[in-house]
């Protein structure tokens, strides 16, 4: 699970073997986990993060969206483009 970014207490990462889902990023702080879709940026799931912290993380994800999308491709595990979330 390559780490793409560390920002304050947060670690942003993906699992290199996840090919059946739309582009997303996982976030961890201590034992708390969340997952955000990247196209468009939206919360997919969260385990125990308080809502005010999820808003902070969402801002970080929006700011680094392109970095997250490109980083998986650079590691030769591209996202399936046909699985982008539909509005």
PDB file of N, CA and C in Angstrom:
ATOM      1  N   UNK A   1       0.826  -1.175   0.000  1.00  0.00           N
ATOM      2  CA  UNK A   1       0.000   0.000   0.000  1.00  0.00           C
ATOM      3  C   UNK A   1       0.872   1.240   0.000  1.00  0.00           C
ATOM      4  N   UNK A   2       1.207   1.719  -1.183  1.00  0.00           N
ATOM      5  CA  UNK A   2       2.082   2.879  -1.314  1.00  0.00           C
ATOM      6  C   UNK A   2       1.484   4.148  -0.708  1.00  0.00           C
ATOM      7  N   UNK A   3       2.287   4.848   0.064  1.00  0.00           N
ATOM      8  CA  UNK A   3       1.893   6.140   0.608  1.00  0.00           C
ATOM      9  C   UNK A   3       2.154   7.204  -0.451  1.00  0.00           C
ATOM     10  N   UNK A   4       1.131   7.980  -0.741  1.00  0.00           N
ATOM     11  CA  UNK A   4       1.233   9.025  -1.752  1.00  0.00           C
ATOM     12  C   UNK A   4       1.577  10.363  -1.110  1.00  0.00           C
ATOM     13  N   UNK A   5       1.022  10.610   0.078  1.00  0.00           N
ATOM     14  CA  UNK A   5       1.200  11.911   0.725  1.00  0.00           C
ATOM     15  C   UNK A   5       1.047  11.747   2.231  1.00  0.00           C
ATOM     16  N   UNK A   6       1.867  12.481   2.948  1.00  0.00           N
ATOM     17  CA  UNK A   6       1.676  12.649   4.396  1.00  0.00           C
ATOM     18  C   UNK A   6       1.417  14.127   4.617  1.00  0.00           C
ATOM     19  N   UNK A   7       0.322  14.406   5.281  1.00  0.00           N
ATOM     20  CA  UNK A   7      -0.071  15.793   5.524  1.00  0.00           C
ATOM     21  C   UNK A   7      -0.515  15.880   6.979  1.00  0.00           C
ATOM     22  N   UNK A   8       0.302  16.528   7.809  1.00  0.00           N
ATOM     23  CA  UNK A   8       0.002  16.561   9.237  1.00  0.00           C
ATOM     24  C   UNK A   8      -0.079  15.138   9.773  1.00  0.00           C
ATOM     25  N   UNK A   9      -1.158  14.800  10.470  1.00  0.00           N
ATOM     26  CA  UNK A   9      -1.279  13.451  11.035  1.00  0.00           C
ATOM     27  C   UNK A   9      -1.826  12.420  10.048  1.00  0.00           C
ATOM     28  N   UNK A  10      -2.098  12.835   8.799  1.00  0.00           N
ATOM     29  CA  UNK A  10      -2.775  11.960   7.839  1.00  0.00           C
ATOM     30  C   UNK A  10      -1.803  11.301   6.864  1.00  0.00           C
ATOM     31  N   UNK A  11      -2.107  10.055   6.573  1.00  0.00           N
ATOM     32  CA  UNK A  11      -1.370   9.315   5.548  1.00  0.00           C
ATOM     33  C   UNK A  11      -2.361   8.968   4.448  1.00  0.00           C
ATOM     34  N   UNK A  12      -2.051   9.393   3.227  1.00  0.00           N
ATOM     35  CA  UNK A  12      -2.895   9.128   2.063  1.00  0.00           C
ATOM     36  C   UNK A  12      -2.225   8.019   1.260  1.00  0.00           C
ATOM     37  N   UNK A  13      -2.984   6.972   0.951  1.00  0.00           N
ATOM     38  CA  UNK A  13      -2.401   5.804   0.290  1.00  0.00           C
ATOM     39  C   UNK A  13      -3.443   5.093  -0.555  1.00  0.00           C
ATOM     40  N   UNK A  14      -2.984   4.172  -1.374  1.00  0.00           N
ATOM     41  CA  UNK A  14      -3.884   3.302  -2.119  1.00  0.00           C
ATOM     42  C   UNK A  14      -3.336   1.892  -2.072  1.00  0.00           C
ATOM     43  N   UNK A  15      -4.204   0.953  -2.367  1.00  0.00           N
ATOM     44  CA  UNK A  15      -3.797  -0.448  -2.485  1.00  0.00           C
ATOM     45  C   UNK A  15      -3.523  -0.708  -3.957  1.00  0.00           C
ATOM     46  N   UNK A  16      -2.368  -1.229  -4.266  1.00  0.00           N
ATOM     47  CA  UNK A  16      -1.978  -1.388  -5.671  1.00  0.00           C
ATOM     48  C   UNK A  16      -2.792  -2.455  -6.397  1.00  0.00           C
ATOM     49  N   UNK A  17      -3.517  -3.299  -5.673  1.00  0.00           N
ATOM     50  CA  UNK A  17      -4.283  -4.348  -6.343  1.00  0.00           C
ATOM     51  C   UNK A  17      -5.770  -4.020  -6.461  1.00  0.00           C
ATOM     52  N   UNK A  18      -6.172  -2.799  -6.228  1.00  0.00           N
ATOM     53  CA  UNK A  18      -7.573  -2.403  -6.362  1.00  0.00           C
ATOM     54  C   UNK A  18      -7.830  -1.909  -7.781  1.00  0.00           C
ATOM     55  N   UNK A  19      -8.390  -2.758  -8.603  1.00  0.00           N
ATOM     56  CA  UNK A  19      -8.618  -2.385  -9.995  1.00  0.00           C
ATOM     57  C   UNK A  19     -10.100  -2.314 -10.344  1.00  0.00           C
ATOM     58  N   UNK A  20     -10.977  -2.773  -9.471  1.00  0.00           N
ATOM     59  CA  UNK A  20     -12.389  -2.855  -9.812  1.00  0.00           C
ATOM     60  C   UNK A  20     -13.239  -1.711  -9.292  1.00  0.00           C
ATOM     61  N   UNK A  21     -12.617  -0.621  -8.882  1.00  0.00           N
ATOM     62  CA  UNK A  21     -13.368   0.505  -8.336  1.00  0.00           C
ATOM     63  C   UNK A  21     -12.956   1.796  -9.034  1.00  0.00           C
ATOM     64  N   UNK A  22     -13.812   2.813  -8.946  1.00  0.00           N
ATOM     65  CA  UNK A  22     -13.426   4.118  -9.478  1.00  0.00           C
ATOM     66  C   UNK A  22     -12.214   4.668  -8.724  1.00  0.00           C
ATOM     67  N   UNK A  23     -11.546   5.665  -9.280  1.00  0.00           N
ATOM     68  CA  UNK A  23     -10.380   6.256  -8.613  1.00  0.00           C
ATOM     69  C   UNK A  23     -10.727   6.741  -7.205  1.00  0.00           C
ATOM     70  N   UNK A  24      -9.877   6.377  -6.261  1.00  0.00           N
ATOM     71  CA  UNK A  24     -10.099   6.765  -4.871  1.00  0.00           C
ATOM     72  C   UNK A  24      -8.778   6.769  -4.108  1.00  0.00           C
ATOM     73  N   UNK A  25      -8.820   7.333  -2.918  1.00  0.00           N
ATOM     74  CA  UNK A  25      -7.651   7.381  -2.043  1.00  0.00           C
ATOM     75  C   UNK A  25      -8.101   7.019  -0.632  1.00  0.00           C
ATOM     76  N   UNK A  26      -7.254   6.303   0.078  1.00  0.00           N
ATOM     77  CA  UNK A  26      -7.510   5.951   1.467  1.00  0.00           C
ATOM     78  C   UNK A  26      -6.742   6.919   2.361  1.00  0.00           C
ATOM     79  N   UNK A  27      -7.312   7.213   3.528  1.00  0.00           N
ATOM     80  CA  UNK A  27      -6.691   8.130   4.484  1.00  0.00           C
ATOM     81  C   UNK A  27      -6.684   7.453   5.846  1.00  0.00           C
ATOM     82  N   UNK A  28      -5.551   7.577   6.526  1.00  0.00           N
ATOM     83  CA  UNK A  28      -5.429   6.983   7.849  1.00  0.00           C
ATOM     84  C   UNK A  28      -4.821   7.986   8.823  1.00  0.00           C
ATOM     85  N   UNK A  29      -5.377   8.005  10.021  1.00  0.00           N
ATOM     86  CA  UNK A  29      -4.786   8.711  11.152  1.00  0.00           C
ATOM     87  C   UNK A  29      -4.975   7.792  12.343  1.00  0.00           C
ATOM     88  N   UNK A  30      -3.874   7.364  12.920  1.00  0.00           N
ATOM     89  CA  UNK A  30      -3.935   6.395  14.015  1.00  0.00           C
ATOM     90  C   UNK A  30      -4.751   5.186  13.549  1.00  0.00           C
ATOM     91  N   UNK A  31      -5.830   4.876  14.241  1.00  0.00           N
ATOM     92  CA  UNK A  31      -6.666   3.731  13.845  1.00  0.00           C
ATOM     93  C   UNK A  31      -7.912   4.142  13.057  1.00  0.00           C
ATOM     94  N   UNK A  32      -7.992   5.404  12.695  1.00  0.00           N
ATOM     95  CA  UNK A  32      -9.133   5.907  11.934  1.00  0.00           C
ATOM     96  C   UNK A  32      -8.839   5.783  10.444  1.00  0.00           C
ATOM     97  N   UNK A  33      -9.857   5.413   9.679  1.00  0.00           N
ATOM     98  CA  UNK A  33      -9.710   5.238   8.232  1.00  0.00           C
ATOM     99  C   UNK A  33     -10.859   5.914   7.500  1.00  0.00           C
ATOM    100  N   UNK A  34     -10.555   6.404   6.320  1.00  0.00           N
ATOM    101  CA  UNK A  34     -11.582   6.948   5.429  1.00  0.00           C
ATOM    102  C   UNK A  34     -11.160   6.664   3.993  1.00  0.00           C
ATOM    103  N   UNK A  35     -12.139   6.735   3.113  1.00  0.00           N
ATOM    104  CA  UNK A  35     -11.885   6.522   1.687  1.00  0.00           C
ATOM    105  C   UNK A  35     -12.641   7.613   0.931  1.00  0.00           C
ATOM    106  N   UNK A  36     -11.947   8.241  -0.014  1.00  0.00           N
ATOM    107  CA  UNK A  36     -12.542   9.310  -0.804  1.00  0.00           C
ATOM    108  C   UNK A  36     -12.466   8.959  -2.284  1.00  0.00           C
ATOM    109  N   UNK A  37     -13.596   9.112  -2.985  1.00  0.00           N
ATOM    110  CA  UNK A  37     -13.585   9.039  -4.441  1.00  0.00           C
ATOM    111  C   UNK A  37     -12.861  10.268  -4.961  1.00  0.00           C
ATOM    112  N   UNK A  38     -12.229  10.132  -6.115  1.00  0.00           N
ATOM    113  CA  UNK A  38     -11.449  11.237  -6.674  1.00  0.00           C
ATOM    114  C   UNK A  38     -12.098  11.913  -7.879  1.00  0.00           C
ATOM    115  N   UNK A  39     -13.053  11.263  -8.523  1.00  0.00           N
ATOM    116  CA  UNK A  39     -13.684  11.828  -9.724  1.00  0.00           C
ATOM    117  C   UNK A  39     -15.182  11.656  -9.638  1.00  0.00           C
ATOM    118  N   UNK A  40     -15.924  12.560  -9.103  1.00  0.00           N
ATOM    119  CA  UNK A  40     -15.527  13.771  -8.396  1.00  0.00           C
ATOM    120  C   UNK A  40     -15.140  13.444  -6.956  1.00  0.00           C
ATOM    121  N   UNK A  41     -14.514  14.396  -6.299  1.00  0.00           N
ATOM    122  CA  UNK A  41     -14.100  14.190  -4.917  1.00  0.00           C
ATOM    123  C   UNK A  41     -15.345  14.090  -4.040  1.00  0.00           C
ATOM    124  N   UNK A  42     -15.438  12.975  -3.308  1.00  0.00           N
ATOM    125  CA  UNK A  42     -16.576  12.737  -2.409  1.00  0.00           C
ATOM    126  C   UNK A  42     -16.166  11.683  -1.389  1.00  0.00           C
ATOM    127  N   UNK A  43     -16.756  11.748  -0.230  1.00  0.00           N
ATOM    128  CA  UNK A  43     -16.498  10.751   0.793  1.00  0.00           C
ATOM    129  C   UNK A  43     -17.150   9.438   0.391  1.00  0.00           C
ATOM    130  N   UNK A  44     -16.380   8.362   0.377  1.00  0.00           N
ATOM    131  CA  UNK A  44     -16.908   7.035   0.066  1.00  0.00           C
ATOM    132  C   UNK A  44     -17.271   6.301   1.351  1.00  0.00           C
ATOM    133  N   UNK A  45     -16.383   6.374   2.351  1.00  0.00           N
ATOM    134  CA  UNK A  45     -16.646   5.705   3.626  1.00  0.00           C
ATOM    135  C   UNK A  45     -15.712   6.269   4.688  1.00  0.00           C
ATOM    136  N   UNK A  46     -16.106   6.056   5.930  1.00  0.00           N
ATOM    137  CA  UNK A  46     -15.291   6.523   7.045  1.00  0.00           C
ATOM    138  C   UNK A  46     -15.541   5.645   8.249  1.00  0.00           C
ATOM    139  N   UNK A  47     -14.485   5.392   8.992  1.00  0.00           N
ATOM    140  CA  UNK A  47     -14.656   4.667  10.236  1.00  0.00           C
ATOM    141  C   UNK A  47     -14.134   5.529  11.376  1.00  0.00           C
ATOM    142  N   UNK A  48     -15.079   6.196  12.023  1.00  0.00           N
ATOM    143  CA  UNK A  48     -14.852   6.922  13.273  1.00  0.00           C
ATOM    144  C   UNK A  48     -14.211   8.302  13.159  1.00  0.00           C
ATOM    145  N   UNK A  49     -13.961   8.816  11.954  1.00  0.00           N
ATOM    146  CA  UNK A  49     -13.483  10.196  11.856  1.00  0.00           C
ATOM    147  C   UNK A  49     -14.640  11.132  12.217  1.00  0.00           C
ATOM    148  N   UNK A  50     -14.397  12.154  13.044  1.00  0.00           N
ATOM    149  CA  UNK A  50     -15.447  13.141  13.298  1.00  0.00           C
ATOM    150  C   UNK A  50     -15.699  13.986  12.036  1.00  0.00           C
ATOM    151  N   UNK A  51     -16.905  14.505  11.924  1.00  0.00           N
ATOM    152  CA  UNK A  51     -17.291  15.219  10.702  1.00  0.00           C
ATOM    153  C   UNK A  51     -16.415  16.441  10.430  1.00  0.00           C
ATOM    154  N   UNK A  52     -16.008  17.164  11.452  1.00  0.00           N
ATOM    155  CA  UNK A  52     -15.169  18.340  11.218  1.00  0.00           C
ATOM    156  C   UNK A  52     -13.808  17.933  10.639  1.00  0.00           C
ATOM    157  N   UNK A  53     -13.321  16.784  11.027  1.00  0.00           N
ATOM    158  CA  UNK A  53     -12.045  16.312  10.500  1.00  0.00           C
ATOM    159  C   UNK A  53     -12.197  15.818   9.066  1.00  0.00           C
ATOM    160  N   UNK A  54     -13.331  15.204   8.755  1.00  0.00           N
ATOM    161  CA  UNK A  54     -13.586  14.768   7.380  1.00  0.00           C
ATOM    162  C   UNK A  54     -13.630  15.958   6.430  1.00  0.00           C
ATOM    163  N   UNK A  55     -14.155  17.081   6.895  1.00  0.00           N
ATOM    164  CA  UNK A  55     -14.167  18.292   6.051  1.00  0.00           C
ATOM    165  C   UNK A  55     -12.737  18.769   5.776  1.00  0.00           C
ATOM    166  N   UNK A  56     -11.887  18.712   6.786  1.00  0.00           N
ATOM    167  CA  UNK A  56     -10.480  19.086   6.614  1.00  0.00           C
ATOM    168  C   UNK A  56      -9.797  18.159   5.617  1.00  0.00           C
ATOM    169  N   UNK A  57     -10.034  16.858   5.780  1.00  0.00           N
ATOM    170  CA  UNK A  57      -9.425  15.872   4.875  1.00  0.00           C
ATOM    171  C   UNK A  57      -9.941  16.068   3.459  1.00  0.00           C
ATOM    172  N   UNK A  58     -11.233  16.348   3.311  1.00  0.00           N
ATOM    173  CA  UNK A  58     -11.804  16.583   1.979  1.00  0.00           C
ATOM    174  C   UNK A  58     -11.096  17.745   1.290  1.00  0.00           C
ATOM    175  N   UNK A  59     -10.793  18.805   2.015  1.00  0.00           N
ATOM    176  CA  UNK A  59     -10.055  19.932   1.439  1.00  0.00           C
ATOM    177  C   UNK A  59      -8.664  19.502   0.975  1.00  0.00           C
ATOM    178  N   UNK A  60      -8.001  18.666   1.759  1.00  0.00           N
ATOM    179  CA  UNK A  60      -6.672  18.156   1.384  1.00  0.00           C
ATOM    180  C   UNK A  60      -6.784  17.297   0.134  1.00  0.00           C
ATOM    181  N   UNK A  61      -7.812  16.458   0.062  1.00  0.00           N
ATOM    182  CA  UNK A  61      -8.008  15.607  -1.119  1.00  0.00           C
ATOM    183  C   UNK A  61      -8.264  16.473  -2.350  1.00  0.00           C
ATOM    184  N   UNK A  62      -9.105  17.475  -2.235  1.00  0.00           N
ATOM    185  CA  UNK A  62      -9.375  18.364  -3.382  1.00  0.00           C
ATOM    186  C   UNK A  62      -8.101  19.053  -3.861  1.00  0.00           C
ATOM    187  N   UNK A  63      -7.305  19.530  -2.918  1.00  0.00           N
ATOM    188  CA  UNK A  63      -6.063  20.222  -3.268  1.00  0.00           C
ATOM    189  C   UNK A  63      -5.080  19.296  -3.969  1.00  0.00           C
ATOM    190  N   UNK A  64      -5.072  18.024  -3.604  1.00  0.00           N
ATOM    191  CA  UNK A  64      -4.091  17.069  -4.131  1.00  0.00           C
ATOM    192  C   UNK A  64      -4.694  16.039  -5.083  1.00  0.00           C
ATOM    193  N   UNK A  65      -5.884  16.302  -5.573  1.00  0.00           N
ATOM    194  CA  UNK A  65      -6.594  15.349  -6.426  1.00  0.00           C
ATOM    195  C   UNK A  65      -5.737  14.856  -7.600  1.00  0.00           C
ATOM    196  N   UNK A  66      -5.149  15.763  -8.328  1.00  0.00           N
ATOM    197  CA  UNK A  66      -4.349  15.375  -9.500  1.00  0.00           C
ATOM    198  C   UNK A  66      -3.139  14.541  -9.091  1.00  0.00           C
ATOM    199  N   UNK A  67      -2.493  14.900  -8.001  1.00  0.00           N
ATOM    200  CA  UNK A  67      -1.350  14.124  -7.493  1.00  0.00           C
ATOM    201  C   UNK A  67      -1.775  12.691  -7.201  1.00  0.00           C
ATOM    202  N   UNK A  68      -2.929  12.521  -6.570  1.00  0.00           N
ATOM    203  CA  UNK A  68      -3.410  11.188  -6.241  1.00  0.00           C
ATOM    204  C   UNK A  68      -3.725  10.388  -7.503  1.00  0.00           C
ATOM    205  N   UNK A  69      -4.355  11.018  -8.469  1.00  0.00           N
ATOM    206  CA  UNK A  69      -4.701  10.319  -9.711  1.00  0.00           C
ATOM    207  C   UNK A  69      -3.457   9.891 -10.481  1.00  0.00           C
ATOM    208  N   UNK A  70      -2.472  10.766 -10.566  1.00  0.00           N
ATOM    209  CA  UNK A  70      -1.256  10.484 -11.323  1.00  0.00           C
ATOM    210  C   UNK A  70      -0.364   9.469 -10.609  1.00  0.00           C
ATOM    211  N   UNK A  71      -0.346   9.496  -9.301  1.00  0.00           N
ATOM    212  CA  UNK A  71       0.583   8.642  -8.552  1.00  0.00           C
ATOM    213  C   UNK A  71       0.330   7.160  -8.781  1.00  0.00           C
ATOM    214  N   UNK A  72      -0.915   6.768  -8.905  1.00  0.00           N
ATOM    215  CA  UNK A  72      -1.202   5.353  -9.133  1.00  0.00           C
ATOM    216  C   UNK A  72      -0.777   4.942 -10.539  1.00  0.00           C
ATOM    217  N   UNK A  73      -0.980   5.811 -11.496  1.00  0.00           N
ATOM    218  CA  UNK A  73      -0.566   5.521 -12.870  1.00  0.00           C
ATOM    219  C   UNK A  73       0.952   5.393 -12.942  1.00  0.00           C
ATOM    220  N   UNK A  74       1.676   6.261 -12.233  1.00  0.00           N
ATOM    221  CA  UNK A  74       3.138   6.201 -12.239  1.00  0.00           C
ATOM    222  C   UNK A  74       3.653   4.894 -11.644  1.00  0.00           C
ATOM    223  N   UNK A  75       2.873   4.279 -10.781  1.00  0.00           N
ATOM    224  CA  UNK A  75       3.281   3.006 -10.187  1.00  0.00           C
ATOM    225  C   UNK A  75       2.805   1.826 -11.031  1.00  0.00           C
ATOM    226  N   UNK A  76       2.367   2.143 -12.263  1.00  0.00           N
ATOM    227  CA  UNK A  76       1.962   1.132 -13.236  1.00  0.00           C
ATOM    228  C   UNK A  76       0.745   0.335 -12.792  1.00  0.00           C
ATOM    229  N   UNK A  77      -0.141   0.969 -12.060  1.00  0.00           N
ATOM    230  CA  UNK A  77      -1.407   0.342 -11.691  1.00  0.00           C
ATOM    231  C   UNK A  77      -2.528   1.337 -11.958  1.00  0.00           C
ATOM    232  N   UNK A  78      -2.786   1.621 -13.231  1.00  0.00           N
ATOM    233  CA  UNK A  78      -3.738   2.686 -13.565  1.00  0.00           C
ATOM    234  C   UNK A  78      -5.161   2.369 -13.123  1.00  0.00           C
ATOM    235  N   UNK A  79      -5.924   3.428 -12.943  1.00  0.00           N
ATOM    236  CA  UNK A  79      -7.335   3.295 -12.629  1.00  0.00           C
ATOM    237  C   UNK A  79      -8.071   2.882 -13.878  1.00  0.00           C
ATOM    238  N   UNK A  80      -9.177   2.219 -13.723  1.00  0.00           N
ATOM    239  CA  UNK A  80     -10.037   1.925 -14.866  1.00  0.00           C
ATOM    240  C   UNK A  80     -10.838   3.179 -15.175  1.00  0.00           C
ATOM    241  N   UNK A  81     -10.608   3.749 -16.318  1.00  0.00           N
ATOM    242  CA  UNK A  81     -11.260   5.023 -16.672  1.00  0.00           C
ATOM    243  C   UNK A  81     -12.765   4.872 -16.836  1.00  0.00           C
ATOM    244  N   UNK A  82     -13.244   3.688 -17.111  1.00  0.00           N
ATOM    245  CA  UNK A  82     -14.688   3.506 -17.307  1.00  0.00           C
ATOM    246  C   UNK A  82     -15.440   3.420 -15.989  1.00  0.00           C
ATOM    247  N   UNK A  83     -14.713   3.503 -14.864  1.00  0.00           N
ATOM    248  CA  UNK A  83     -15.368   3.386 -13.575  1.00  0.00           C
ATOM    249  C   UNK A  83     -15.464   4.704 -12.818  1.00  0.00           C
ATOM    250  N   UNK A  84     -15.287   5.826 -13.483  1.00  0.00           N
ATOM    251  CA  UNK A  84     -15.456   7.107 -12.799  1.00  0.00           C
ATOM    252  C   UNK A  84     -16.886   7.220 -12.300  1.00  0.00           C
ATOM    253  N   UNK A  85     -17.071   7.844 -11.155  1.00  0.00           N
ATOM    254  CA  UNK A  85     -18.406   8.023 -10.602  1.00  0.00           C
ATOM    255  C   UNK A  85     -19.230   8.908 -11.519  1.00  0.00           C
ATOM    256  N   UNK A  86     -20.464   8.569 -11.651  1.00  0.00           N
ATOM    257  CA  UNK A  86     -21.376   9.373 -12.473  1.00  0.00           C
ATOM    258  C   UNK A  86     -22.078  10.384 -11.567  1.00  0.00           C
ATOM    259  N   UNK A  87     -22.187  11.643 -12.011  1.00  0.00           N
ATOM    260  CA  UNK A  87     -22.884  12.653 -11.189  1.00  0.00           C
ATOM    261  C   UNK A  87     -24.352  12.346 -11.039  1.00  0.00           C
TER     262      UNK A  87
END
